[in-house]
Amino acid sequence: MKKVYRQLTFVVTIGLAIFMSGSPLDLLSPQPHATASARQPEYAKWGQIAIAQTKANYQADIVDYLHVGRNQISPEVAEEIFKLWLRDGTREYGVRVTIQFYTANDRIRTITFRETTDRIKRDD
């Protein structure tokens, strides 16, 4: 009885796989998988730039990161705003990083840094 049950389970599993894929040959061809980069939000590359530029300008450890938002400055220019929390020894402080760029080609227009003592607040 166990042997029949295992065979039946195997046949049903294969049948479902063929049904779900549409064709038995589809099971043999590699299927595209979503990569981590495909799931990244639009602002991720700007966040990496904000972190790299902050590290270059401040001799401190980055301990937290927040994407504040995006503003459309004009039809051609947008900005991404980030807040990074830094620790330098016993001192902790925030740095607001604003990256303005041309939307047609993603070329950076300006990067500005503004220190703040306001802690990062996240919506719960």
PDB file of N, CA and C in Angstrom:
ATOM      1  N   MET A   1       0.822  -1.197   0.000  1.00  0.00           N
ATOM      2  CA  MET A   1       0.000   0.000   0.000  1.00  0.00           C
ATOM      3  C   MET A   1       0.869   1.266   0.000  1.00  0.00           C
ATOM      4  N   LYS A   2       1.973   1.249   0.818  1.00  0.00           N
ATOM      5  CA  LYS A   2       2.845   2.426   0.865  1.00  0.00           C
ATOM      6  C   LYS A   2       3.482   2.694  -0.491  1.00  0.00           C
ATOM      7  N   LYS A   3       3.862   1.602  -1.196  1.00  0.00           N
ATOM      8  CA  LYS A   3       4.494   1.760  -2.502  1.00  0.00           C
ATOM      9  C   LYS A   3       3.524   2.407  -3.496  1.00  0.00           C
ATOM     10  N   VAL A   4       2.281   1.969  -3.488  1.00  0.00           N
ATOM     11  CA  VAL A   4       1.267   2.539  -4.378  1.00  0.00           C
ATOM     12  C   VAL A   4       1.040   4.010  -4.039  1.00  0.00           C
ATOM     13  N   TYR A   5       0.987   4.345  -2.747  1.00  0.00           N
ATOM     14  CA  TYR A   5       0.777   5.728  -2.311  1.00  0.00           C
ATOM     15  C   TYR A   5       1.928   6.614  -2.777  1.00  0.00           C
ATOM     16  N   ARG A   6       3.178   6.121  -2.628  1.00  0.00           N
ATOM     17  CA  ARG A   6       4.339   6.902  -3.066  1.00  0.00           C
ATOM     18  C   ARG A   6       4.313   7.111  -4.583  1.00  0.00           C
ATOM     19  N   GLN A   7       3.969   6.074  -5.329  1.00  0.00           N
ATOM     20  CA  GLN A   7       3.908   6.204  -6.785  1.00  0.00           C
ATOM     21  C   GLN A   7       2.818   7.189  -7.200  1.00  0.00           C
ATOM     22  N   LEU A   8       1.679   7.110  -6.553  1.00  0.00           N
ATOM     23  CA  LEU A   8       0.580   8.019  -6.854  1.00  0.00           C
ATOM     24  C   LEU A   8       0.973   9.455  -6.523  1.00  0.00           C
ATOM     25  N   THR A   9       1.632   9.647  -5.389  1.00  0.00           N
ATOM     26  CA  THR A   9       2.093  10.984  -4.998  1.00  0.00           C
ATOM     27  C   THR A   9       3.071  11.524  -6.030  1.00  0.00           C
ATOM     28  N   PHE A  10       3.988  10.674  -6.492  1.00  0.00           N
ATOM     29  CA  PHE A  10       4.970  11.078  -7.490  1.00  0.00           C
ATOM     30  C   PHE A  10       4.280  11.491  -8.793  1.00  0.00           C
ATOM     31  N   VAL A  11       3.329  10.688  -9.252  1.00  0.00           N
ATOM     32  CA  VAL A  11       2.615  10.975 -10.496  1.00  0.00           C
ATOM     33  C   VAL A  11       1.823  12.276 -10.376  1.00  0.00           C
ATOM     34  N   VAL A  12       1.148  12.476  -9.262  1.00  0.00           N
ATOM     35  CA  VAL A  12       0.373  13.707  -9.055  1.00  0.00           C
ATOM     36  C   VAL A  12       1.306  14.911  -9.019  1.00  0.00           C
ATOM     37  N   THR A  13       2.450  14.778  -8.341  1.00  0.00           N
ATOM     38  CA  THR A  13       3.410  15.888  -8.263  1.00  0.00           C
ATOM     39  C   THR A  13       3.928  16.250  -9.648  1.00  0.00           C
ATOM     40  N   ILE A  14       4.321  15.258 -10.434  1.00  0.00           N
ATOM     41  CA  ILE A  14       4.809  15.516 -11.793  1.00  0.00           C
ATOM     42  C   ILE A  14       3.693  16.115 -12.651  1.00  0.00           C
ATOM     43  N   GLY A  15       2.490  15.577 -12.515  1.00  0.00           N
ATOM     44  CA  GLY A  15       1.355  16.109 -13.277  1.00  0.00           C
ATOM     45  C   GLY A  15       1.086  17.566 -12.959  1.00  0.00           C
ATOM     46  N   LEU A  16       1.129  17.912 -11.682  1.00  0.00           N
ATOM     47  CA  LEU A  16       0.929  19.314 -11.290  1.00  0.00           C
ATOM     48  C   LEU A  16       2.041  20.198 -11.827  1.00  0.00           C
ATOM     49  N   ALA A  17       3.273  19.705 -11.783  1.00  0.00           N
ATOM     50  CA  ALA A  17       4.399  20.492 -12.288  1.00  0.00           C
ATOM     51  C   ALA A  17       4.237  20.767 -13.778  1.00  0.00           C
ATOM     52  N   ILE A  18       3.822  19.755 -14.528  1.00  0.00           N
ATOM     53  CA  ILE A  18       3.619  19.940 -15.969  1.00  0.00           C
ATOM     54  C   ILE A  18       2.455  20.894 -16.222  1.00  0.00           C
ATOM     55  N   PHE A  19       1.368  20.715 -15.484  1.00  0.00           N
ATOM     56  CA  PHE A  19       0.203  21.582 -15.639  1.00  0.00           C
ATOM     57  C   PHE A  19       0.559  23.034 -15.339  1.00  0.00           C
ATOM     58  N   MET A  20       1.296  23.264 -14.261  1.00  0.00           N
ATOM     59  CA  MET A  20       1.637  24.633 -13.852  1.00  0.00           C
ATOM     60  C   MET A  20       2.616  25.277 -14.830  1.00  0.00           C
ATOM     61  N   SER A  21       3.501  24.479 -15.425  1.00  0.00           N
ATOM     62  CA  SER A  21       4.501  25.061 -16.321  1.00  0.00           C
ATOM     63  C   SER A  21       3.966  25.266 -17.733  1.00  0.00           C
ATOM     64  N   GLY A  22       2.933  24.531 -18.101  1.00  0.00           N
ATOM     65  CA  GLY A  22       2.353  24.703 -19.424  1.00  0.00           C
ATOM     66  C   GLY A  22       2.826  23.674 -20.422  1.00  0.00           C
ATOM     67  N   SER A  23       4.034  23.165 -20.260  1.00  0.00           N
ATOM     68  CA  SER A  23       4.579  22.189 -21.198  1.00  0.00           C
ATOM     69  C   SER A  23       5.614  21.341 -20.477  1.00  0.00           C
ATOM     70  N   PRO A  24       5.691  20.041 -20.786  1.00  0.00           N
ATOM     71  CA  PRO A  24       6.716  19.208 -20.156  1.00  0.00           C
ATOM     72  C   PRO A  24       8.122  19.702 -20.473  1.00  0.00           C
ATOM     73  N   LEU A  25       8.324  20.303 -21.640  1.00  0.00           N
ATOM     74  CA  LEU A  25       9.649  20.806 -21.998  1.00  0.00           C
ATOM     75  C   LEU A  25      10.045  22.011 -21.159  1.00  0.00           C
ATOM     76  N   ASP A  26       9.063  22.757 -20.650  1.00  0.00           N
ATOM     77  CA  ASP A  26       9.365  23.907 -19.800  1.00  0.00           C
ATOM     78  C   ASP A  26      10.083  23.487 -18.527  1.00  0.00           C
ATOM     79  N   LEU A  27       9.852  22.273 -18.082  1.00  0.00           N
ATOM     80  CA  LEU A  27      10.514  21.798 -16.866  1.00  0.00           C
ATOM     81  C   LEU A  27      12.005  21.628 -17.069  1.00  0.00           C
ATOM     82  N   LEU A  28      12.433  21.403 -18.321  1.00  0.00           N
ATOM     83  CA  LEU A  28      13.838  21.172 -18.612  1.00  0.00           C
ATOM     84  C   LEU A  28      14.604  22.459 -18.877  1.00  0.00           C
ATOM     85  N   SER A  29      13.916  23.518 -19.219  1.00  0.00           N
ATOM     86  CA  SER A  29      14.601  24.771 -19.528  1.00  0.00           C
ATOM     87  C   SER A  29      14.748  25.604 -18.265  1.00  0.00           C
ATOM     88  N   PRO A  30      15.888  26.304 -18.145  1.00  0.00           N
ATOM     89  CA  PRO A  30      16.083  27.130 -16.948  1.00  0.00           C
ATOM     90  C   PRO A  30      15.070  28.266 -16.896  1.00  0.00           C
ATOM     91  N   GLN A  31      14.565  28.525 -15.725  1.00  0.00           N
ATOM     92  CA  GLN A  31      13.586  29.588 -15.528  1.00  0.00           C
ATOM     93  C   GLN A  31      14.291  30.819 -14.956  1.00  0.00           C
ATOM     94  N   PRO A  32      13.933  31.995 -15.428  1.00  0.00           N
ATOM     95  CA  PRO A  32      14.539  33.201 -14.855  1.00  0.00           C
ATOM     96  C   PRO A  32      14.069  33.381 -13.419  1.00  0.00           C
ATOM     97  N   HIS A  33      14.992  33.783 -12.577  1.00  0.00           N
ATOM     98  CA  HIS A  33      14.676  34.046 -11.177  1.00  0.00           C
ATOM     99  C   HIS A  33      14.904  35.520 -10.897  1.00  0.00           C
ATOM    100  N   ALA A  34      14.094  36.078 -10.037  1.00  0.00           N
ATOM    101  CA  ALA A  34      14.277  37.478  -9.649  1.00  0.00           C
ATOM    102  C   ALA A  34      15.557  37.587  -8.838  1.00  0.00           C
ATOM    103  N   THR A  35      16.390  38.536  -9.189  1.00  0.00           N
ATOM    104  CA  THR A  35      17.628  38.745  -8.447  1.00  0.00           C
ATOM    105  C   THR A  35      17.413  39.833  -7.418  1.00  0.00           C
ATOM    106  N   ALA A  36      18.383  39.961  -6.523  1.00  0.00           N
ATOM    107  CA  ALA A  36      18.287  40.993  -5.490  1.00  0.00           C
ATOM    108  C   ALA A  36      18.207  42.376  -6.125  1.00  0.00           C
ATOM    109  N   SER A  37      18.958  42.593  -7.213  1.00  0.00           N
ATOM    110  CA  SER A  37      18.935  43.909  -7.843  1.00  0.00           C
ATOM    111  C   SER A  37      17.585  44.198  -8.486  1.00  0.00           C
ATOM    112  N   ALA A  38      16.879  43.168  -8.939  1.00  0.00           N
ATOM    113  CA  ALA A  38      15.570  43.381  -9.548  1.00  0.00           C
ATOM    114  C   ALA A  38      14.537  43.786  -8.511  1.00  0.00           C
ATOM    115  N   ARG A  39      14.766  43.441  -7.262  1.00  0.00           N
ATOM    116  CA  ARG A  39      13.822  43.768  -6.203  1.00  0.00           C
ATOM    117  C   ARG A  39      14.201  45.039  -5.453  1.00  0.00           C
ATOM    118  N   GLN A  40      15.327  45.651  -5.774  1.00  0.00           N
ATOM    119  CA  GLN A  40      15.739  46.852  -5.059  1.00  0.00           C
ATOM    120  C   GLN A  40      14.834  48.019  -5.422  1.00  0.00           C
ATOM    121  N   PRO A  41      14.556  48.880  -4.439  1.00  0.00           N
ATOM    122  CA  PRO A  41      13.772  50.073  -4.752  1.00  0.00           C
ATOM    123  C   PRO A  41      14.574  51.025  -5.633  1.00  0.00           C
ATOM    124  N   GLU A  42      13.852  51.934  -6.288  1.00  0.00           N
ATOM    125  CA  GLU A  42      14.499  52.892  -7.196  1.00  0.00           C
ATOM    126  C   GLU A  42      15.592  53.703  -6.519  1.00  0.00           C
ATOM    127  N   TYR A  43      15.389  54.040  -5.266  1.00  0.00           N
ATOM    128  CA  TYR A  43      16.337  54.914  -4.581  1.00  0.00           C
ATOM    129  C   TYR A  43      17.593  54.183  -4.099  1.00  0.00           C
ATOM    130  N   ALA A  44      17.679  52.869  -4.264  1.00  0.00           N
ATOM    131  CA  ALA A  44      18.793  52.090  -3.706  1.00  0.00           C
ATOM    132  C   ALA A  44      20.149  52.575  -4.218  1.00  0.00           C
ATOM    133  N   LYS A  45      20.258  52.838  -5.518  1.00  0.00           N
ATOM    134  CA  LYS A  45      21.562  53.276  -6.033  1.00  0.00           C
ATOM    135  C   LYS A  45      21.940  54.643  -5.481  1.00  0.00           C
ATOM    136  N   TRP A  46      20.939  55.507  -5.264  1.00  0.00           N
ATOM    137  CA  TRP A  46      21.230  56.824  -4.692  1.00  0.00           C
ATOM    138  C   TRP A  46      21.629  56.674  -3.225  1.00  0.00           C
ATOM    139  N   GLY A  47      21.046  55.708  -2.544  1.00  0.00           N
ATOM    140  CA  GLY A  47      21.422  55.433  -1.158  1.00  0.00           C
ATOM    141  C   GLY A  47      22.864  54.974  -1.052  1.00  0.00           C
ATOM    142  N   GLN A  48      23.297  54.145  -1.998  1.00  0.00           N
ATOM    143  CA  GLN A  48      24.691  53.695  -2.002  1.00  0.00           C
ATOM    144  C   GLN A  48      25.635  54.873  -2.223  1.00  0.00           C
ATOM    145  N   ILE A  49      25.247  55.782  -3.090  1.00  0.00           N
ATOM    146  CA  ILE A  49      26.064  56.976  -3.329  1.00  0.00           C
ATOM    147  C   ILE A  49      26.090  57.846  -2.079  1.00  0.00           C
ATOM    148  N   ALA A  50      24.933  58.022  -1.429  1.00  0.00           N
ATOM    149  CA  ALA A  50      24.867  58.828  -0.205  1.00  0.00           C
ATOM    150  C   ALA A  50      25.780  58.250   0.870  1.00  0.00           C
ATOM    151  N   ILE A  51      25.769  56.938   1.023  1.00  0.00           N
ATOM    152  CA  ILE A  51      26.623  56.293   2.023  1.00  0.00           C
ATOM    153  C   ILE A  51      28.095  56.473   1.673  1.00  0.00           C
ATOM    154  N   ALA A  52      28.457  56.229   0.422  1.00  0.00           N
ATOM    155  CA  ALA A  52      29.858  56.355   0.003  1.00  0.00           C
ATOM    156  C   ALA A  52      30.370  57.781   0.177  1.00  0.00           C
ATOM    157  N   GLN A  53      29.560  58.768  -0.213  1.00  0.00           N
ATOM    158  CA  GLN A  53      29.995  60.163  -0.094  1.00  0.00           C
ATOM    159  C   GLN A  53      30.067  60.609   1.367  1.00  0.00           C
ATOM    160  N   THR A  54      29.167  60.095   2.196  1.00  0.00           N
ATOM    161  CA  THR A  54      29.212  60.424   3.623  1.00  0.00           C
ATOM    162  C   THR A  54      30.464  59.832   4.250  1.00  0.00           C
ATOM    163  N   LYS A  55      30.794  58.599   3.908  1.00  0.00           N
ATOM    164  CA  LYS A  55      32.024  57.973   4.419  1.00  0.00           C
ATOM    165  C   LYS A  55      33.249  58.773   3.997  1.00  0.00           C
ATOM    166  N   ALA A  56      33.236  59.295   2.774  1.00  0.00           N
ATOM    167  CA  ALA A  56      34.371  60.068   2.275  1.00  0.00           C
ATOM    168  C   ALA A  56      34.497  61.420   2.973  1.00  0.00           C
ATOM    169  N   ASN A  57      33.369  61.994   3.421  1.00  0.00           N
ATOM    170  CA  ASN A  57      33.387  63.329   4.017  1.00  0.00           C
ATOM    171  C   ASN A  57      33.426  63.347   5.538  1.00  0.00           C
ATOM    172  N   TYR A  58      33.067  62.238   6.174  1.00  0.00           N
ATOM    173  CA  TYR A  58      33.011  62.192   7.635  1.00  0.00           C
ATOM    174  C   TYR A  58      33.805  60.991   8.127  1.00  0.00           C
ATOM    175  N   GLN A  59      34.659  61.217   9.102  1.00  0.00           N
ATOM    176  CA  GLN A  59      35.436  60.131   9.695  1.00  0.00           C
ATOM    177  C   GLN A  59      34.650  59.542  10.857  1.00  0.00           C
ATOM    178  N   ALA A  60      33.551  58.879  10.549  1.00  0.00           N
ATOM    179  CA  ALA A  60      32.671  58.316  11.571  1.00  0.00           C
ATOM    180  C   ALA A  60      32.018  57.058  11.014  1.00  0.00           C
ATOM    181  N   ASP A  61      31.517  56.231  11.919  1.00  0.00           N
ATOM    182  CA  ASP A  61      30.796  55.026  11.515  1.00  0.00           C
ATOM    183  C   ASP A  61      29.343  55.374  11.223  1.00  0.00           C
ATOM    184  N   ILE A  62      28.808  54.825  10.155  1.00  0.00           N
ATOM    185  CA  ILE A  62      27.388  54.989   9.844  1.00  0.00           C
ATOM    186  C   ILE A  62      26.654  53.865  10.556  1.00  0.00           C
ATOM    187  N   VAL A  63      25.744  54.242  11.466  1.00  0.00           N
ATOM    188  CA  VAL A  63      25.053  53.229  12.270  1.00  0.00           C
ATOM    189  C   VAL A  63      23.580  53.070  11.900  1.00  0.00           C
ATOM    190  N   ASP A  64      23.029  53.993  11.129  1.00  0.00           N
ATOM    191  CA  ASP A  64      21.642  53.856  10.690  1.00  0.00           C
ATOM    192  C   ASP A  64      21.442  54.658   9.409  1.00  0.00           C
ATOM    193  N   TYR A  65      20.372  54.320   8.693  1.00  0.00           N
ATOM    194  CA  TYR A  65      20.123  54.871   7.364  1.00  0.00           C
ATOM    195  C   TYR A  65      18.619  54.952   7.152  1.00  0.00           C
ATOM    196  N   LEU A  66      18.173  56.053   6.578  1.00  0.00           N
ATOM    197  CA  LEU A  66      16.752  56.203   6.278  1.00  0.00           C
ATOM    198  C   LEU A  66      16.590  56.946   4.957  1.00  0.00           C
ATOM    199  N   HIS A  67      15.747  56.410   4.077  1.00  0.00           N
ATOM    200  CA  HIS A  67      15.381  57.137   2.863  1.00  0.00           C
ATOM    201  C   HIS A  67      14.223  58.044   3.242  1.00  0.00           C
ATOM    202  N   VAL A  68      14.440  59.341   3.196  1.00  0.00           N
ATOM    203  CA  VAL A  68      13.419  60.310   3.588  1.00  0.00           C
ATOM    204  C   VAL A  68      12.384  60.457   2.485  1.00  0.00           C
ATOM    205  N   GLY A  69      12.854  60.548   1.234  1.00  0.00           N
ATOM    206  CA  GLY A  69      11.906  60.677   0.134  1.00  0.00           C
ATOM    207  C   GLY A  69      12.534  61.255  -1.114  1.00  0.00           C
ATOM    208  N   ARG A  70      11.690  61.415  -2.109  1.00  0.00           N
ATOM    209  CA  ARG A  70      12.112  61.961  -3.401  1.00  0.00           C
ATOM    210  C   ARG A  70      11.253  63.170  -3.710  1.00  0.00           C
ATOM    211  N   ASN A  71      11.889  64.222  -4.228  1.00  0.00           N
ATOM    212  CA  ASN A  71      11.186  65.426  -4.667  1.00  0.00           C
ATOM    213  C   ASN A  71      11.502  65.670  -6.132  1.00  0.00           C
ATOM    214  N   GLN A  72      10.493  66.059  -6.886  1.00  0.00           N
ATOM    215  CA  GLN A  72      10.694  66.455  -8.276  1.00  0.00           C
ATOM    216  C   GLN A  72      10.893  67.963  -8.261  1.00  0.00           C
ATOM    217  N   ILE A  73      12.104  68.424  -8.521  1.00  0.00           N
ATOM    218  CA  ILE A  73      12.445  69.845  -8.468  1.00  0.00           C
ATOM    219  C   ILE A  73      11.918  70.576  -9.704  1.00  0.00           C
ATOM    220  N   SER A  74      12.087  69.952 -10.847  1.00  0.00           N
ATOM    221  CA  SER A  74      11.606  70.494 -12.122  1.00  0.00           C
ATOM    222  C   SER A  74      11.344  69.296 -13.032  1.00  0.00           C
ATOM    223  N   PRO A  75      10.851  69.527 -14.246  1.00  0.00           N
ATOM    224  CA  PRO A  75      10.649  68.372 -15.134  1.00  0.00           C
ATOM    225  C   PRO A  75      11.950  67.604 -15.421  1.00  0.00           C
ATOM    226  N   GLU A  76      13.084  68.283 -15.306  1.00  0.00           N
ATOM    227  CA  GLU A  76      14.370  67.658 -15.631  1.00  0.00           C
ATOM    228  C   GLU A  76      15.165  67.204 -14.414  1.00  0.00           C
ATOM    229  N   VAL A  77      14.857  67.738 -13.232  1.00  0.00           N
ATOM    230  CA  VAL A  77      15.691  67.496 -12.048  1.00  0.00           C
ATOM    231  C   VAL A  77      14.854  66.943 -10.899  1.00  0.00           C
ATOM    232  N   ALA A  78      15.395  65.910 -10.251  1.00  0.00           N
ATOM    233  CA  ALA A  78      14.771  65.342  -9.049  1.00  0.00           C
ATOM    234  C   ALA A  78      15.835  65.257  -7.964  1.00  0.00           C
ATOM    235  N   GLU A  79      15.383  65.020  -6.733  1.00  0.00           N
ATOM    236  CA  GLU A  79      16.340  64.828  -5.648  1.00  0.00           C
ATOM    237  C   GLU A  79      15.878  63.681  -4.757  1.00  0.00           C
ATOM    238  N   GLU A  80      16.848  62.924  -4.272  1.00  0.00           N
ATOM    239  CA  GLU A  80      16.609  61.877  -3.286  1.00  0.00           C
ATOM    240  C   GLU A  80      17.234  62.362  -1.991  1.00  0.00           C
ATOM    241  N   ILE A  81      16.496  62.192  -0.889  1.00  0.00           N
ATOM    242  CA  ILE A  81      16.959  62.676   0.410  1.00  0.00           C
ATOM    243  C   ILE A  81      17.111  61.489   1.351  1.00  0.00           C
ATOM    244  N   PHE A  82      18.244  61.456   2.038  1.00  0.00           N
ATOM    245  CA  PHE A  82      18.554  60.393   2.984  1.00  0.00           C
ATOM    246  C   PHE A  82      19.003  61.006   4.297  1.00  0.00           C
ATOM    247  N   LYS A  83      18.763  60.282   5.363  1.00  0.00           N
ATOM    248  CA  LYS A  83      19.286  60.686   6.659  1.00  0.00           C
ATOM    249  C   LYS A  83      20.126  59.535   7.182  1.00  0.00           C
ATOM    250  N   LEU A  84      21.369  59.828   7.482  1.00  0.00           N
ATOM    251  CA  LEU A  84      22.277  58.834   8.014  1.00  0.00           C
ATOM    252  C   LEU A  84      22.625  59.214   9.445  1.00  0.00           C
ATOM    253  N   TRP A  85      22.709  58.223  10.320  1.00  0.00           N
ATOM    254  CA  TRP A  85      23.076  58.452  11.716  1.00  0.00           C
ATOM    255  C   TRP A  85      24.509  57.975  11.889  1.00  0.00           C
ATOM    256  N   LEU A  86      25.373  58.887  12.375  1.00  0.00           N
ATOM    257  CA  LEU A  86      26.797  58.610  12.486  1.00  0.00           C
ATOM    258  C   LEU A  86      27.238  58.563  13.942  1.00  0.00           C
ATOM    259  N   ARG A  87      28.283  57.779  14.198  1.00  0.00           N
ATOM    260  CA  ARG A  87      28.883  57.700  15.529  1.00  0.00           C
ATOM    261  C   ARG A  87      30.386  57.902  15.380  1.00  0.00           C
ATOM    262  N   ASP A  88      30.881  58.900  16.110  1.00  0.00           N
ATOM    263  CA  ASP A  88      32.312  59.199  16.132  1.00  0.00           C
ATOM    264  C   ASP A  88      32.745  59.179  17.591  1.00  0.00           C
ATOM    265  N   GLY A  89      33.253  58.044  18.041  1.00  0.00           N
ATOM    266  CA  GLY A  89      33.584  57.895  19.458  1.00  0.00           C
ATOM    267  C   GLY A  89      32.313  57.899  20.282  1.00  0.00           C
ATOM    268  N   THR A  90      32.177  58.911  21.148  1.00  0.00           N
ATOM    269  CA  THR A  90      30.963  59.018  21.966  1.00  0.00           C
ATOM    270  C   THR A  90      29.935  59.962  21.347  1.00  0.00           C
ATOM    271  N   ARG A  91      30.314  60.668  20.315  1.00  0.00           N
ATOM    272  CA  ARG A  91      29.402  61.623  19.674  1.00  0.00           C
ATOM    273  C   ARG A  91      28.551  60.922  18.622  1.00  0.00           C
ATOM    274  N   GLU A  92      27.238  61.148  18.674  1.00  0.00           N
ATOM    275  CA  GLU A  92      26.323  60.654  17.652  1.00  0.00           C
ATOM    276  C   GLU A  92      25.576  61.837  17.055  1.00  0.00           C
ATOM    277  N   TYR A  93      25.406  61.797  15.751  1.00  0.00           N
ATOM    278  CA  TYR A  93      24.711  62.885  15.073  1.00  0.00           C
ATOM    279  C   TYR A  93      24.186  62.393  13.730  1.00  0.00           C
ATOM    280  N   GLY A  94      23.258  63.153  13.179  1.00  0.00           N
ATOM    281  CA  GLY A  94      22.680  62.818  11.887  1.00  0.00           C
ATOM    282  C   GLY A  94      23.269  63.673  10.786  1.00  0.00           C
ATOM    283  N   VAL A  95      23.244  63.138   9.595  1.00  0.00           N
ATOM    284  CA  VAL A  95      23.630  63.890   8.403  1.00  0.00           C
ATOM    285  C   VAL A  95      22.527  63.684   7.370  1.00  0.00           C
ATOM    286  N   ARG A  96      21.962  64.788   6.942  1.00  0.00           N
ATOM    287  CA  ARG A  96      20.936  64.751   5.893  1.00  0.00           C
ATOM    288  C   ARG A  96      21.665  64.936   4.565  1.00  0.00           C
ATOM    289  N   VAL A  97      21.536  63.943   3.695  1.00  0.00           N
ATOM    290  CA  VAL A  97      22.217  63.958   2.400  1.00  0.00           C
ATOM    291  C   VAL A  97      21.160  64.135   1.313  1.00  0.00           C
ATOM    292  N   THR A  98      21.338  65.160   0.495  1.00  0.00           N
ATOM    293  CA  THR A  98      20.421  65.426  -0.613  1.00  0.00           C
ATOM    294  C   THR A  98      21.197  65.290  -1.913  1.00  0.00           C
ATOM    295  N   ILE A  99      20.724  64.409  -2.773  1.00  0.00           N
ATOM    296  CA  ILE A  99      21.362  64.192  -4.073  1.00  0.00           C
ATOM    297  C   ILE A  99      20.402  64.675  -5.153  1.00  0.00           C
ATOM    298  N   GLN A 100      20.795  65.741  -5.844  1.00  0.00           N
ATOM    299  CA  GLN A 100      20.013  66.224  -6.985  1.00  0.00           C
ATOM    300  C   GLN A 100      20.620  65.643  -8.257  1.00  0.00           C
ATOM    301  N   PHE A 101      19.748  65.233  -9.176  1.00  0.00           N
ATOM    302  CA  PHE A 101      20.230  64.611 -10.405  1.00  0.00           C
ATOM    303  C   PHE A 101      19.272  64.907 -11.551  1.00  0.00           C
ATOM    304  N   TYR A 102      19.816  64.781 -12.758  1.00  0.00           N
ATOM    305  CA  TYR A 102      19.014  64.952 -13.971  1.00  0.00           C
ATOM    306  C   TYR A 102      18.296  63.632 -14.257  1.00  0.00           C
ATOM    307  N   THR A 103      16.988  63.691 -14.382  1.00  0.00           N
ATOM    308  CA  THR A 103      16.201  62.467 -14.537  1.00  0.00           C
ATOM    309  C   THR A 103      16.400  61.789 -15.895  1.00  0.00           C
ATOM    310  N   ALA A 104      16.784  62.531 -16.906  1.00  0.00           N
ATOM    311  CA  ALA A 104      16.956  61.948 -18.240  1.00  0.00           C
ATOM    312  C   ALA A 104      18.119  60.965 -18.295  1.00  0.00           C
ATOM    313  N   ASN A 105      19.186  61.253 -17.528  1.00  0.00           N
ATOM    314  CA  ASN A 105      20.378  60.404 -17.617  1.00  0.00           C
ATOM    315  C   ASN A 105      20.959  60.017 -16.252  1.00  0.00           C
ATOM    316  N   ASP A 106      20.299  60.401 -15.171  1.00  0.00           N
ATOM    317  CA  ASP A 106      20.748  60.105 -13.800  1.00  0.00           C
ATOM    318  C   ASP A 106      22.105  60.727 -13.461  1.00  0.00           C
ATOM    319  N   ARG A 107      22.496  61.760 -14.191  1.00  0.00           N
ATOM    320  CA  ARG A 107      23.752  62.440 -13.886  1.00  0.00           C
ATOM    321  C   ARG A 107      23.556  63.312 -12.654  1.00  0.00           C
ATOM    322  N   ILE A 108      24.497  63.215 -11.718  1.00  0.00           N
ATOM    323  CA  ILE A 108      24.391  63.963 -10.466  1.00  0.00           C
ATOM    324  C   ILE A 108      24.632  65.439 -10.728  1.00  0.00           C
ATOM    325  N   ARG A 109      23.756  66.251 -10.173  1.00  0.00           N
ATOM    326  CA  ARG A 109      23.870  67.708 -10.266  1.00  0.00           C
ATOM    327  C   ARG A 109      24.582  68.242  -9.033  1.00  0.00           C
ATOM    328  N   THR A 110      24.074  67.902  -7.839  1.00  0.00           N
ATOM    329  CA  THR A 110      24.709  68.327  -6.585  1.00  0.00           C
ATOM    330  C   THR A 110      24.489  67.269  -5.511  1.00  0.00           C
ATOM    331  N   ILE A 111      25.395  67.255  -4.548  1.00  0.00           N
ATOM    332  CA  ILE A 111      25.220  66.465  -3.329  1.00  0.00           C
ATOM    333  C   ILE A 111      25.489  67.416  -2.170  1.00  0.00           C
ATOM    334  N   THR A 112      24.515  67.542  -1.271  1.00  0.00           N
ATOM    335  CA  THR A 112      24.699  68.421  -0.116  1.00  0.00           C
ATOM    336  C   THR A 112      24.561  67.611   1.171  1.00  0.00           C
ATOM    337  N   PHE A 113      25.292  68.059   2.195  1.00  0.00           N
ATOM    338  CA  PHE A 113      25.281  67.427   3.512  1.00  0.00           C
ATOM    339  C   PHE A 113      24.889  68.475   4.539  1.00  0.00           C
ATOM    340  N   ARG A 114      24.009  68.102   5.447  1.00  0.00           N
ATOM    341  CA  ARG A 114      23.640  69.003   6.538  1.00  0.00           C
ATOM    342  C   ARG A 114      23.574  68.187   7.827  1.00  0.00           C
ATOM    343  N   GLU A 115      24.400  68.577   8.795  1.00  0.00           N
ATOM    344  CA  GLU A 115      24.399  67.872  10.078  1.00  0.00           C
ATOM    345  C   GLU A 115      23.173  68.250  10.890  1.00  0.00           C
ATOM    346  N   THR A 116      22.685  67.288  11.671  1.00  0.00           N
ATOM    347  CA  THR A 116      21.515  67.503  12.509  1.00  0.00           C
ATOM    348  C   THR A 116      21.653  66.660  13.774  1.00  0.00           C
ATOM    349  N   THR A 117      20.985  67.080  14.819  1.00  0.00           N
ATOM    350  CA  THR A 117      20.974  66.286  16.052  1.00  0.00           C
ATOM    351  C   THR A 117      19.672  65.512  16.197  1.00  0.00           C
ATOM    352  N   ASP A 118      18.752  65.705  15.256  1.00  0.00           N
ATOM    353  CA  ASP A 118      17.476  64.978  15.297  1.00  0.00           C
ATOM    354  C   ASP A 118      17.719  63.511  14.981  1.00  0.00           C
ATOM    355  N   ARG A 119      17.248  62.652  15.848  1.00  0.00           N
ATOM    356  CA  ARG A 119      17.402  61.208  15.641  1.00  0.00           C
ATOM    357  C   ARG A 119      16.507  60.742  14.491  1.00  0.00           C
ATOM    358  N   ILE A 120      16.865  59.619  13.930  1.00  0.00           N
ATOM    359  CA  ILE A 120      16.061  59.024  12.863  1.00  0.00           C
ATOM    360  C   ILE A 120      14.778  58.489  13.468  1.00  0.00           C
ATOM    361  N   LYS A 121      13.661  58.892  12.891  1.00  0.00           N
ATOM    362  CA  LYS A 121      12.347  58.421  13.337  1.00  0.00           C
ATOM    363  C   LYS A 121      11.742  57.606  12.216  1.00  0.00           C
ATOM    364  N   ARG A 122      11.256  56.443  12.564  1.00  0.00           N
ATOM    365  CA  ARG A 122      10.629  55.564  11.576  1.00  0.00           C
ATOM    366  C   ARG A 122       9.160  55.419  11.911  1.00  0.00           C
ATOM    367  N   ASP A 123       8.328  55.364  10.870  1.00  0.00           N
ATOM    368  CA  ASP A 123       6.899  55.103  11.078  1.00  0.00           C
ATOM    369  C   ASP A 123       6.730  53.645  11.445  1.00  0.00           C
ATOM    370  N   ASP A 124       5.927  53.378  12.445  1.00  0.00           N
ATOM    371  CA  ASP A 124       5.687  51.982  12.852  1.00  0.00           C
ATOM    372  C   ASP A 124       4.461  51.433  12.188  1.00  0.00           C
TER     373      ASP A 124
END
